[in-house]
Amino acid sequence: MDKRVFFILIVLSLSIGYFAGYFVGKKSALNNKKVERVVDNGSSGNASNPHSSGMMAENKSVDMERIHSEIKELKQRVEKNPGDFESLKSLGDIYYDIKDFKNAVSYYEMALKVKKSLPVMVDLSTCYVNLNKVDKAISILNEVLKEKPDFPQALYNMGIIYLHGKNDFKMAKKYWQKLYDIGAPGFDRDRLKMMLDALDKSIKEGAK
């Protein structure tokens, strides 16, 4: 496959997901704000400030204290009421945000035993992708799409998984074509069309 085409597919697929808010990120349970992840690459606007790195480290420490406090409070709620769906889901969300996918899986699965939720199932599948359990992720997304065939997040994630996890361009196209056809909100149709065209090209090249 043409490396340039593959690069275009990667950039388009990830950027479309980013702007739509799917797969590559999700809202934190912490007061409905994203968990701040401080990255000091030496190129920030505060680089000239001799105290900037110390301030960033302090902010990160405050964030982690806030996260641990929220986790402790939510776990106390769950101890009192093991069937507290919202607290279980929130714990999953927090662990997801801090990239502790094993714990996220644990709490999402507990939440789903209390109540079925397609968005939680999508988040669970994403955790499994990050744990390199691609087939498990696909299985969960198939359940979601069986119940709601036009669920945008599931369609988008299936495309990502088949493109990057399975190297299966035909299956990626199948899901993204449906995403394009339903006109899912949050997705740039022009970018989706470019992505589908790039997939078509790669599929034709592979058939030669």
C-alpha atoms as a PDB file:
ATOM      1  CA  MET A   1       0.000   0.000   0.000  1.00  0.00           C
ATOM      2  CA  ASP A   2       1.179   3.539  -0.807  1.00  0.00           C
ATOM      3  CA  LYS A   3       2.678   4.943   2.409  1.00  0.00           C
ATOM      4  CA  ARG A   4       1.300   8.368   1.566  1.00  0.00           C
ATOM      5  CA  VAL A   5      -2.240   7.002   1.318  1.00  0.00           C
ATOM      6  CA  PHE A   6      -1.849   5.135   4.606  1.00  0.00           C
ATOM      7  CA  PHE A   7      -0.584   8.308   6.287  1.00  0.00           C
ATOM      8  CA  ILE A   8      -3.583  10.236   4.952  1.00  0.00           C
ATOM      9  CA  LEU A   9      -5.921   7.562   6.344  1.00  0.00           C
ATOM     10  CA  ILE A  10      -4.331   7.738   9.777  1.00  0.00           C
ATOM     11  CA  VAL A  11      -4.458  11.544   9.929  1.00  0.00           C
ATOM     12  CA  LEU A  12      -8.012  11.769   8.623  1.00  0.00           C
ATOM     13  CA  SER A  13      -9.426   9.001  10.789  1.00  0.00           C
ATOM     14  CA  LEU A  14      -7.891  10.300  13.991  1.00  0.00           C
ATOM     15  CA  SER A  15      -8.698  13.934  13.290  1.00  0.00           C
ATOM     16  CA  ILE A  16     -12.318  13.103  12.475  1.00  0.00           C
ATOM     17  CA  GLY A  17     -12.633  11.178  15.712  1.00  0.00           C
ATOM     18  CA  TYR A  18     -10.962  13.960  17.677  1.00  0.00           C
ATOM     19  CA  PHE A  19     -13.291  16.670  16.424  1.00  0.00           C
ATOM     20  CA  ALA A  20     -16.327  14.452  16.930  1.00  0.00           C
ATOM     21  CA  GLY A  21     -15.186  13.543  20.429  1.00  0.00           C
ATOM     22  CA  TYR A  22     -15.086   9.806  19.810  1.00  0.00           C
ATOM     23  CA  PHE A  23     -12.604   7.068  20.613  1.00  0.00           C
ATOM     24  CA  VAL A  24      -9.554   9.243  21.235  1.00  0.00           C
ATOM     25  CA  GLY A  25     -11.057  11.125  24.150  1.00  0.00           C
ATOM     26  CA  LYS A  26     -14.057  11.376  26.415  1.00  0.00           C
ATOM     27  CA  LYS A  27     -15.427  13.621  29.119  1.00  0.00           C
ATOM     28  CA  SER A  28     -14.146  13.075  32.611  1.00  0.00           C
ATOM     29  CA  ALA A  29     -16.393  12.323  35.551  1.00  0.00           C
ATOM     30  CA  LEU A  30     -14.553  14.984  37.522  1.00  0.00           C
ATOM     31  CA  ASN A  31     -17.026  17.840  37.615  1.00  0.00           C
ATOM     32  CA  ASN A  32     -17.640  17.328  33.865  1.00  0.00           C
ATOM     33  CA  LYS A  33     -14.170  18.654  33.056  1.00  0.00           C
ATOM     34  CA  LYS A  34     -11.352  16.927  31.290  1.00  0.00           C
ATOM     35  CA  VAL A  35      -8.561  15.724  33.541  1.00  0.00           C
ATOM     36  CA  GLU A  36      -5.634  18.064  32.991  1.00  0.00           C
ATOM     37  CA  ARG A  37      -2.564  16.228  31.757  1.00  0.00           C
ATOM     38  CA  VAL A  38       0.476  18.436  32.114  1.00  0.00           C
ATOM     39  CA  VAL A  39       3.149  17.837  29.505  1.00  0.00           C
ATOM     40  CA  ASP A  40       6.345  19.841  29.671  1.00  0.00           C
ATOM     41  CA  ASN A  41       8.011  19.669  26.283  1.00  0.00           C
ATOM     42  CA  GLY A  42      10.060  22.805  26.739  1.00  0.00           C
ATOM     43  CA  SER A  43       8.143  24.671  24.055  1.00  0.00           C
ATOM     44  CA  SER A  44       5.298  26.238  26.014  1.00  0.00           C
ATOM     45  CA  GLY A  45       4.715  29.933  26.207  1.00  0.00           C
ATOM     46  CA  ASN A  46       5.892  29.872  29.822  1.00  0.00           C
ATOM     47  CA  ALA A  47       9.280  28.426  28.983  1.00  0.00           C
ATOM     48  CA  SER A  48      11.007  31.686  29.891  1.00  0.00           C
ATOM     49  CA  ASN A  49       9.503  31.639  33.364  1.00  0.00           C
ATOM     50  CA  PRO A  50      11.993  29.964  35.743  1.00  0.00           C
ATOM     51  CA  HIS A  51       9.107  28.855  37.958  1.00  0.00           C
ATOM     52  CA  SER A  52       6.950  27.410  35.168  1.00  0.00           C
ATOM     53  CA  SER A  53       8.090  23.797  35.529  1.00  0.00           C
ATOM     54  CA  GLY A  54       7.540  23.954  39.287  1.00  0.00           C
ATOM     55  CA  MET A  55       4.072  25.413  38.771  1.00  0.00           C
ATOM     56  CA  MET A  56       3.226  22.683  36.279  1.00  0.00           C
ATOM     57  CA  ALA A  57       4.390  19.972  38.664  1.00  0.00           C
ATOM     58  CA  GLU A  58       2.333  21.567  41.426  1.00  0.00           C
ATOM     59  CA  ASN A  59      -0.761  21.696  39.191  1.00  0.00           C
ATOM     60  CA  LYS A  60      -0.281  18.053  38.290  1.00  0.00           C
ATOM     61  CA  SER A  61      -0.008  17.149  41.970  1.00  0.00           C
ATOM     62  CA  VAL A  62      -3.212  19.069  42.728  1.00  0.00           C
ATOM     63  CA  ASP A  63      -4.953  17.249  39.875  1.00  0.00           C
ATOM     64  CA  MET A  64      -3.918  13.854  41.183  1.00  0.00           C
ATOM     65  CA  GLU A  65      -5.050  14.749  44.702  1.00  0.00           C
ATOM     66  CA  ARG A  66      -8.410  15.793  43.294  1.00  0.00           C
ATOM     67  CA  ILE A  67      -8.663  12.555  41.313  1.00  0.00           C
ATOM     68  CA  HIS A  68      -7.800  10.353  44.289  1.00  0.00           C
ATOM     69  CA  SER A  69     -10.290  12.236  46.431  1.00  0.00           C
ATOM     70  CA  GLU A  70     -13.030  11.711  43.850  1.00  0.00           C
ATOM     71  CA  ILE A  71     -12.172   8.025  43.516  1.00  0.00           C
ATOM     72  CA  LYS A  72     -12.288   7.554  47.284  1.00  0.00           C
ATOM     73  CA  GLU A  73     -15.671   9.257  47.537  1.00  0.00           C
ATOM     74  CA  LEU A  74     -17.147   7.222  44.683  1.00  0.00           C
ATOM     75  CA  LYS A  75     -15.843   3.953  46.111  1.00  0.00           C
ATOM     76  CA  GLN A  76     -17.484   4.795  49.432  1.00  0.00           C
ATOM     77  CA  ARG A  77     -20.777   5.282  47.609  1.00  0.00           C
ATOM     78  CA  VAL A  78     -20.395   1.929  45.886  1.00  0.00           C
ATOM     79  CA  GLU A  79     -19.619   0.204  49.192  1.00  0.00           C
ATOM     80  CA  LYS A  80     -22.885   1.538  50.570  1.00  0.00           C
ATOM     81  CA  ASN A  81     -24.808   0.771  47.386  1.00  0.00           C
ATOM     82  CA  PRO A  82     -23.173  -1.803  45.053  1.00  0.00           C
ATOM     83  CA  GLY A  83     -25.942  -1.135  42.526  1.00  0.00           C
ATOM     84  CA  ASP A  84     -25.101   2.556  42.139  1.00  0.00           C
ATOM     85  CA  PHE A  85     -24.797   2.684  38.356  1.00  0.00           C
ATOM     86  CA  GLU A  86     -23.734   6.332  38.145  1.00  0.00           C
ATOM     87  CA  SER A  87     -20.931   5.936  40.696  1.00  0.00           C
ATOM     88  CA  LEU A  88     -19.656   2.773  39.011  1.00  0.00           C
ATOM     89  CA  LYS A  89     -19.730   4.480  35.625  1.00  0.00           C
ATOM     90  CA  SER A  90     -17.986   7.565  37.034  1.00  0.00           C
ATOM     91  CA  LEU A  91     -15.217   5.404  38.465  1.00  0.00           C
ATOM     92  CA  GLY A  92     -14.811   3.811  35.050  1.00  0.00           C
ATOM     93  CA  ASP A  93     -14.691   7.249  33.450  1.00  0.00           C
ATOM     94  CA  ILE A  94     -12.003   8.506  35.832  1.00  0.00           C
ATOM     95  CA  TYR A  95      -9.802   5.452  35.364  1.00  0.00           C
ATOM     96  CA  TYR A  96     -10.329   5.778  31.606  1.00  0.00           C
ATOM     97  CA  ASP A  97      -9.174   9.402  31.729  1.00  0.00           C
ATOM     98  CA  ILE A  98      -5.995   8.586  33.626  1.00  0.00           C
ATOM     99  CA  LYS A  99      -5.367   5.657  31.275  1.00  0.00           C
ATOM    100  CA  ASP A 100      -5.755   2.964  33.912  1.00  0.00           C
ATOM    101  CA  PHE A 101      -7.719   0.809  31.512  1.00  0.00           C
ATOM    102  CA  LYS A 102      -7.723  -2.351  33.637  1.00  0.00           C
ATOM    103  CA  ASN A 103      -9.560  -0.618  36.459  1.00  0.00           C
ATOM    104  CA  ALA A 104     -11.780   1.185  33.942  1.00  0.00           C
ATOM    105  CA  VAL A 105     -12.811  -2.179  32.490  1.00  0.00           C
ATOM    106  CA  SER A 106     -13.583  -3.509  35.959  1.00  0.00           C
ATOM    107  CA  TYR A 107     -15.916  -0.650  36.871  1.00  0.00           C
ATOM    108  CA  TYR A 108     -17.557  -0.394  33.462  1.00  0.00           C
ATOM    109  CA  GLU A 109     -18.365  -4.098  33.571  1.00  0.00           C
ATOM    110  CA  MET A 110     -19.821  -3.744  37.078  1.00  0.00           C
ATOM    111  CA  ALA A 111     -21.919  -0.797  35.879  1.00  0.00           C
ATOM    112  CA  LEU A 112     -23.209  -2.799  32.919  1.00  0.00           C
ATOM    113  CA  LYS A 113     -24.326  -5.593  35.223  1.00  0.00           C
ATOM    114  CA  VAL A 114     -26.542  -3.034  36.939  1.00  0.00           C
ATOM    115  CA  LYS A 115     -27.879  -1.414  33.774  1.00  0.00           C
ATOM    116  CA  LYS A 116     -27.257  -1.806  30.068  1.00  0.00           C
ATOM    117  CA  SER A 117     -25.835   1.332  28.444  1.00  0.00           C
ATOM    118  CA  LEU A 118     -24.632   1.530  24.864  1.00  0.00           C
ATOM    119  CA  PRO A 119     -22.283   4.509  25.508  1.00  0.00           C
ATOM    120  CA  VAL A 120     -20.674   2.630  28.410  1.00  0.00           C
ATOM    121  CA  MET A 121     -20.265  -0.413  26.170  1.00  0.00           C
ATOM    122  CA  VAL A 122     -18.496   1.748  23.594  1.00  0.00           C
ATOM    123  CA  ASP A 123     -16.157   3.104  26.276  1.00  0.00           C
ATOM    124  CA  LEU A 124     -15.543  -0.437  27.514  1.00  0.00           C
ATOM    125  CA  SER A 125     -14.617  -1.550  24.009  1.00  0.00           C
ATOM    126  CA  THR A 126     -12.130   1.329  23.757  1.00  0.00           C
ATOM    127  CA  CYS A 127     -10.504   0.181  26.987  1.00  0.00           C
ATOM    128  CA  TYR A 128     -10.074  -3.290  25.512  1.00  0.00           C
ATOM    129  CA  VAL A 129      -8.434  -1.784  22.416  1.00  0.00           C
ATOM    130  CA  ASN A 130      -5.955  -0.007  24.676  1.00  0.00           C
ATOM    131  CA  LEU A 131      -5.302  -3.330  26.423  1.00  0.00           C
ATOM    132  CA  ASN A 132      -4.579  -4.915  23.016  1.00  0.00           C
ATOM    133  CA  LYS A 133      -7.705  -7.072  23.191  1.00  0.00           C
ATOM    134  CA  VAL A 134      -9.038  -6.074  19.796  1.00  0.00           C
ATOM    135  CA  ASP A 135     -11.310  -9.073  19.260  1.00  0.00           C
ATOM    136  CA  LYS A 136     -13.020  -8.448  22.582  1.00  0.00           C
ATOM    137  CA  ALA A 137     -13.565  -4.818  21.587  1.00  0.00           C
ATOM    138  CA  ILE A 138     -15.088  -5.876  18.267  1.00  0.00           C
ATOM    139  CA  SER A 139     -17.392  -8.328  20.016  1.00  0.00           C
ATOM    140  CA  ILE A 140     -18.721  -5.601  22.317  1.00  0.00           C
ATOM    141  CA  LEU A 141     -19.227  -3.140  19.461  1.00  0.00           C
ATOM    142  CA  ASN A 142     -21.092  -5.815  17.504  1.00  0.00           C
ATOM    143  CA  GLU A 143     -23.510  -6.069  20.432  1.00  0.00           C
ATOM    144  CA  VAL A 144     -23.986  -2.303  20.359  1.00  0.00           C
ATOM    145  CA  LEU A 145     -24.624  -2.237  16.607  1.00  0.00           C
ATOM    146  CA  LYS A 146     -26.984  -5.191  16.817  1.00  0.00           C
ATOM    147  CA  GLU A 147     -29.190  -3.135  19.105  1.00  0.00           C
ATOM    148  CA  LYS A 148     -28.603   0.228  17.417  1.00  0.00           C
ATOM    149  CA  PRO A 149     -27.174  -0.187  13.883  1.00  0.00           C
ATOM    150  CA  ASP A 150     -26.680   3.555  13.359  1.00  0.00           C
ATOM    151  CA  PHE A 151     -24.819   4.289  16.622  1.00  0.00           C
ATOM    152  CA  PRO A 152     -22.159   6.778  15.411  1.00  0.00           C
ATOM    153  CA  GLN A 153     -19.475   6.137  18.036  1.00  0.00           C
ATOM    154  CA  ALA A 154     -19.641   2.394  17.462  1.00  0.00           C
ATOM    155  CA  LEU A 155     -19.456   2.773  13.677  1.00  0.00           C
ATOM    156  CA  TYR A 156     -16.489   5.128  13.902  1.00  0.00           C
ATOM    157  CA  ASN A 157     -14.627   2.945  16.409  1.00  0.00           C
ATOM    158  CA  MET A 158     -15.196  -0.168  14.324  1.00  0.00           C
ATOM    159  CA  GLY A 159     -13.577   1.581  11.392  1.00  0.00           C
ATOM    160  CA  ILE A 160     -10.594   2.610  13.512  1.00  0.00           C
ATOM    161  CA  ILE A 161     -10.175  -0.899  14.906  1.00  0.00           C
ATOM    162  CA  TYR A 162     -10.344  -2.600  11.526  1.00  0.00           C
ATOM    163  CA  LEU A 163      -7.985  -0.065   9.946  1.00  0.00           C
ATOM    164  CA  HIS A 164      -5.343   0.137  12.664  1.00  0.00           C
ATOM    165  CA  GLY A 165      -5.912  -3.091  14.581  1.00  0.00           C
ATOM    166  CA  LYS A 166      -6.779  -5.537  11.815  1.00  0.00           C
ATOM    167  CA  ASN A 167      -5.357  -3.862   8.703  1.00  0.00           C
ATOM    168  CA  ASP A 168      -8.673  -4.677   7.042  1.00  0.00           C
ATOM    169  CA  PHE A 169      -9.538  -1.791   4.737  1.00  0.00           C
ATOM    170  CA  LYS A 170     -12.738  -3.310   3.358  1.00  0.00           C
ATOM    171  CA  MET A 171     -14.263  -3.680   6.804  1.00  0.00           C
ATOM    172  CA  ALA A 172     -13.111  -0.198   7.826  1.00  0.00           C
ATOM    173  CA  LYS A 173     -14.800   1.184   4.717  1.00  0.00           C
ATOM    174  CA  LYS A 174     -18.000  -0.733   5.492  1.00  0.00           C
ATOM    175  CA  TYR A 175     -18.450   1.000   8.850  1.00  0.00           C
ATOM    176  CA  TRP A 176     -17.268   4.440   7.787  1.00  0.00           C
ATOM    177  CA  GLN A 177     -19.457   4.353   4.687  1.00  0.00           C
ATOM    178  CA  LYS A 178     -22.471   3.835   6.906  1.00  0.00           C
ATOM    179  CA  LEU A 179     -21.260   6.653   9.158  1.00  0.00           C
ATOM    180  CA  TYR A 180     -21.090   8.882   6.084  1.00  0.00           C
ATOM    181  CA  ASP A 181     -24.499   7.766   4.814  1.00  0.00           C
ATOM    182  CA  ILE A 182     -26.342   8.528   8.053  1.00  0.00           C
ATOM    183  CA  GLY A 183     -24.756  11.985   8.323  1.00  0.00           C
ATOM    184  CA  ALA A 184     -23.741  11.517  11.957  1.00  0.00           C
ATOM    185  CA  PRO A 185     -23.567  14.805  13.919  1.00  0.00           C
ATOM    186  CA  GLY A 186     -20.092  15.994  14.833  1.00  0.00           C
ATOM    187  CA  PHE A 187     -18.424  14.391  11.830  1.00  0.00           C
ATOM    188  CA  ASP A 188     -17.060  16.424   8.935  1.00  0.00           C
ATOM    189  CA  ARG A 189     -18.599  14.833   5.836  1.00  0.00           C
ATOM    190  CA  ASP A 190     -15.872  16.219   3.580  1.00  0.00           C
ATOM    191  CA  ARG A 191     -13.182  14.611   5.719  1.00  0.00           C
ATOM    192  CA  LEU A 192     -15.138  11.379   5.813  1.00  0.00           C
ATOM    193  CA  LYS A 193     -15.394  11.421   2.011  1.00  0.00           C
ATOM    194  CA  MET A 194     -11.639  11.958   1.719  1.00  0.00           C
ATOM    195  CA  MET A 195     -11.071   9.045   4.073  1.00  0.00           C
ATOM    196  CA  LEU A 196     -13.408   6.790   2.096  1.00  0.00           C
ATOM    197  CA  ASP A 197     -11.696   7.778  -1.160  1.00  0.00           C
ATOM    198  CA  ALA A 198      -8.300   6.934   0.359  1.00  0.00           C
ATOM    199  CA  LEU A 199      -9.657   3.577   1.515  1.00  0.00           C
ATOM    200  CA  ASP A 200     -11.023   2.882  -1.967  1.00  0.00           C
ATOM    201  CA  LYS A 201      -7.618   3.578  -3.456  1.00  0.00           C
ATOM    202  CA  SER A 202      -5.863   1.278  -0.982  1.00  0.00           C
ATOM    203  CA  ILE A 203      -8.398  -1.509  -1.598  1.00  0.00           C
ATOM    204  CA  LYS A 204      -7.937  -1.255  -5.384  1.00  0.00           C
ATOM    205  CA  GLU A 205      -4.168  -1.268  -5.028  1.00  0.00           C
ATOM    206  CA  GLY A 206      -4.381  -4.358  -2.848  1.00  0.00           C
ATOM    207  CA  ALA A 207      -6.468  -6.144  -5.475  1.00  0.00           C
ATOM    208  CA  LYS A 208      -3.811  -5.688  -8.165  1.00  0.00           C
END
